[in-house]
Amino acid sequence: MLLLLLGGVAMAGFWYYQPQQRPDWVTESLPIAPKSKVALYRWKDERGEWVVSDQKPADGVEFERVEIRNDVNVMPSNGN
C-alpha cells in the first residue's frame, strides 16, 4: 500500500514539474487546471489579411474554427 502511495506522489510531482508530459485526462480532471484546449477563429478581412481572434467574426463572414492547446508553444520556428 505504501509503495502505491509513494508511486502516486512521485507521479504527481513529475506531472507538476513537467506539465507537457501530463496526459490530457489528468489535466482535464484537475479542479484548478485551465482548459487544455482553446478555440480560436480565423478569417480573412476585407483587405485579404488573416485575422485570428477568440471571438467569432460578424455574421456572413466565412471563418475557420481552430483549437489549440494552451500548454504548447504555437509560435513558428525561424528554422535556426
C-alpha atoms as a PDB file:
ATOM      1  CA  MET A   1       0.000   0.000   0.000  1.00  0.00           C
ATOM      2  CA  LEU A   2       2.845   2.339   0.877  1.00  0.00           C
ATOM      3  CA  LEU A   3       4.509   1.657  -2.492  1.00  0.00           C
ATOM      4  CA  LEU A   4       1.341   2.666  -4.329  1.00  0.00           C
ATOM      5  CA  LEU A   5       1.099   5.857  -2.309  1.00  0.00           C
ATOM      6  CA  LEU A   6       4.750   6.732  -2.933  1.00  0.00           C
ATOM      7  CA  GLY A   7       4.332   5.971  -6.651  1.00  0.00           C
ATOM      8  CA  GLY A   8       1.312   8.272  -6.830  1.00  0.00           C
ATOM      9  CA  VAL A   9       3.152  11.086  -5.067  1.00  0.00           C
ATOM     10  CA  ALA A  10       6.166  10.645  -7.357  1.00  0.00           C
ATOM     11  CA  MET A  11       3.971  10.732 -10.477  1.00  0.00           C
ATOM     12  CA  ALA A  12       2.107  13.816  -9.216  1.00  0.00           C
ATOM     13  CA  GLY A  13       5.427  15.562  -8.613  1.00  0.00           C
ATOM     14  CA  PHE A  14       6.684  14.629 -12.072  1.00  0.00           C
ATOM     15  CA  TRP A  15       3.499  15.926 -13.729  1.00  0.00           C
ATOM     16  CA  TYR A  16       3.665  19.108 -11.634  1.00  0.00           C
ATOM     17  CA  TYR A  17       7.156  19.948 -12.878  1.00  0.00           C
ATOM     18  CA  GLN A  18       6.638  18.520 -16.394  1.00  0.00           C
ATOM     19  CA  PRO A  19       3.050  19.524 -17.324  1.00  0.00           C
ATOM     20  CA  GLN A  20       3.652  18.826 -21.035  1.00  0.00           C
ATOM     21  CA  GLN A  21       4.110  15.141 -20.121  1.00  0.00           C
ATOM     22  CA  ARG A  22       0.782  15.019 -18.287  1.00  0.00           C
ATOM     23  CA  PRO A  23      -1.939  13.024 -20.097  1.00  0.00           C
ATOM     24  CA  ASP A  24      -4.992  15.001 -21.237  1.00  0.00           C
ATOM     25  CA  TRP A  25      -7.331  13.051 -18.969  1.00  0.00           C
ATOM     26  CA  VAL A  26      -5.292  14.138 -15.943  1.00  0.00           C
ATOM     27  CA  THR A  27      -5.125  17.792 -16.996  1.00  0.00           C
ATOM     28  CA  GLU A  28      -8.853  17.991 -17.695  1.00  0.00           C
ATOM     29  CA  SER A  29      -9.809  16.337 -14.409  1.00  0.00           C
ATOM     30  CA  LEU A  30      -7.804  18.725 -12.218  1.00  0.00           C
ATOM     31  CA  PRO A  31     -10.115  21.146 -10.418  1.00  0.00           C
ATOM     32  CA  ILE A  32      -7.796  24.151 -10.760  1.00  0.00           C
ATOM     33  CA  ALA A  33      -6.386  23.344 -14.180  1.00  0.00           C
ATOM     34  CA  PRO A  34      -7.158  25.724 -17.035  1.00  0.00           C
ATOM     35  CA  LYS A  35      -8.844  24.347 -20.120  1.00  0.00           C
ATOM     36  CA  SER A  36      -6.243  22.439 -22.104  1.00  0.00           C
ATOM     37  CA  LYS A  37      -7.703  23.493 -25.452  1.00  0.00           C
ATOM     38  CA  VAL A  38      -8.687  26.967 -26.554  1.00  0.00           C
ATOM     39  CA  ALA A  39     -10.964  27.718 -29.509  1.00  0.00           C
ATOM     40  CA  LEU A  40      -9.818  30.447 -31.893  1.00  0.00           C
ATOM     41  CA  TYR A  41     -11.432  31.738 -35.070  1.00  0.00           C
ATOM     42  CA  ARG A  42      -9.503  32.595 -38.228  1.00  0.00           C
ATOM     43  CA  TRP A  43     -10.744  34.510 -41.268  1.00  0.00           C
ATOM     44  CA  LYS A  44      -9.583  36.996 -43.887  1.00  0.00           C
ATOM     45  CA  ASP A  45     -10.632  40.613 -43.569  1.00  0.00           C
ATOM     46  CA  GLU A  46     -11.715  42.926 -46.398  1.00  0.00           C
ATOM     47  CA  ARG A  47      -8.040  43.606 -47.268  1.00  0.00           C
ATOM     48  CA  GLY A  48      -7.300  39.877 -47.538  1.00  0.00           C
ATOM     49  CA  GLU A  49      -5.231  39.756 -44.334  1.00  0.00           C
ATOM     50  CA  TRP A  50      -5.647  36.960 -41.811  1.00  0.00           C
ATOM     51  CA  VAL A  51      -7.393  37.754 -38.540  1.00  0.00           C
ATOM     52  CA  VAL A  52      -7.206  35.407 -35.539  1.00  0.00           C
ATOM     53  CA  SER A  53      -9.429  36.015 -32.530  1.00  0.00           C
ATOM     54  CA  ASP A  54     -11.167  34.257 -29.685  1.00  0.00           C
ATOM     55  CA  GLN A  55     -14.391  35.993 -30.828  1.00  0.00           C
ATOM     56  CA  LYS A  56     -16.407  34.908 -33.866  1.00  0.00           C
ATOM     57  CA  PRO A  57     -16.461  37.374 -36.760  1.00  0.00           C
ATOM     58  CA  ALA A  58     -19.591  39.255 -37.811  1.00  0.00           C
ATOM     59  CA  ASP A  59     -22.432  37.307 -39.398  1.00  0.00           C
ATOM     60  CA  GLY A  60     -21.827  36.456 -43.047  1.00  0.00           C
ATOM     61  CA  VAL A  61     -18.023  36.259 -42.731  1.00  0.00           C
ATOM     62  CA  GLU A  62     -16.600  32.871 -43.613  1.00  0.00           C
ATOM     63  CA  PHE A  63     -14.283  31.626 -40.833  1.00  0.00           C
ATOM     64  CA  GLU A  64     -12.412  28.572 -39.634  1.00  0.00           C
ATOM     65  CA  ARG A  65     -12.524  27.352 -36.016  1.00  0.00           C
ATOM     66  CA  VAL A  66      -9.099  26.290 -34.751  1.00  0.00           C
ATOM     67  CA  GLU A  67      -8.435  24.524 -31.454  1.00  0.00           C
ATOM     68  CA  ILE A  68      -5.006  24.898 -29.883  1.00  0.00           C
ATOM     69  CA  ARG A  69      -3.564  23.571 -26.675  1.00  0.00           C
ATOM     70  CA  ASN A  70      -2.800  26.337 -24.239  1.00  0.00           C
ATOM     71  CA  ASP A  71       0.203  24.466 -22.834  1.00  0.00           C
ATOM     72  CA  VAL A  72       2.038  24.251 -26.174  1.00  0.00           C
ATOM     73  CA  ASN A  73       4.101  26.927 -27.888  1.00  0.00           C
ATOM     74  CA  VAL A  74       2.359  27.836 -31.159  1.00  0.00           C
ATOM     75  CA  MET A  75       4.910  30.382 -32.363  1.00  0.00           C
ATOM     76  CA  PRO A  76       6.519  29.263 -35.631  1.00  0.00           C
ATOM     77  CA  SER A  77      10.190  28.418 -35.610  1.00  0.00           C
ATOM     78  CA  ASN A  78      12.524  30.528 -37.716  1.00  0.00           C
ATOM     79  CA  GLY A  79      14.480  27.411 -38.679  1.00  0.00           C
ATOM     80  CA  ASN A  80      17.679  28.234 -36.749  1.00  0.00           C
END
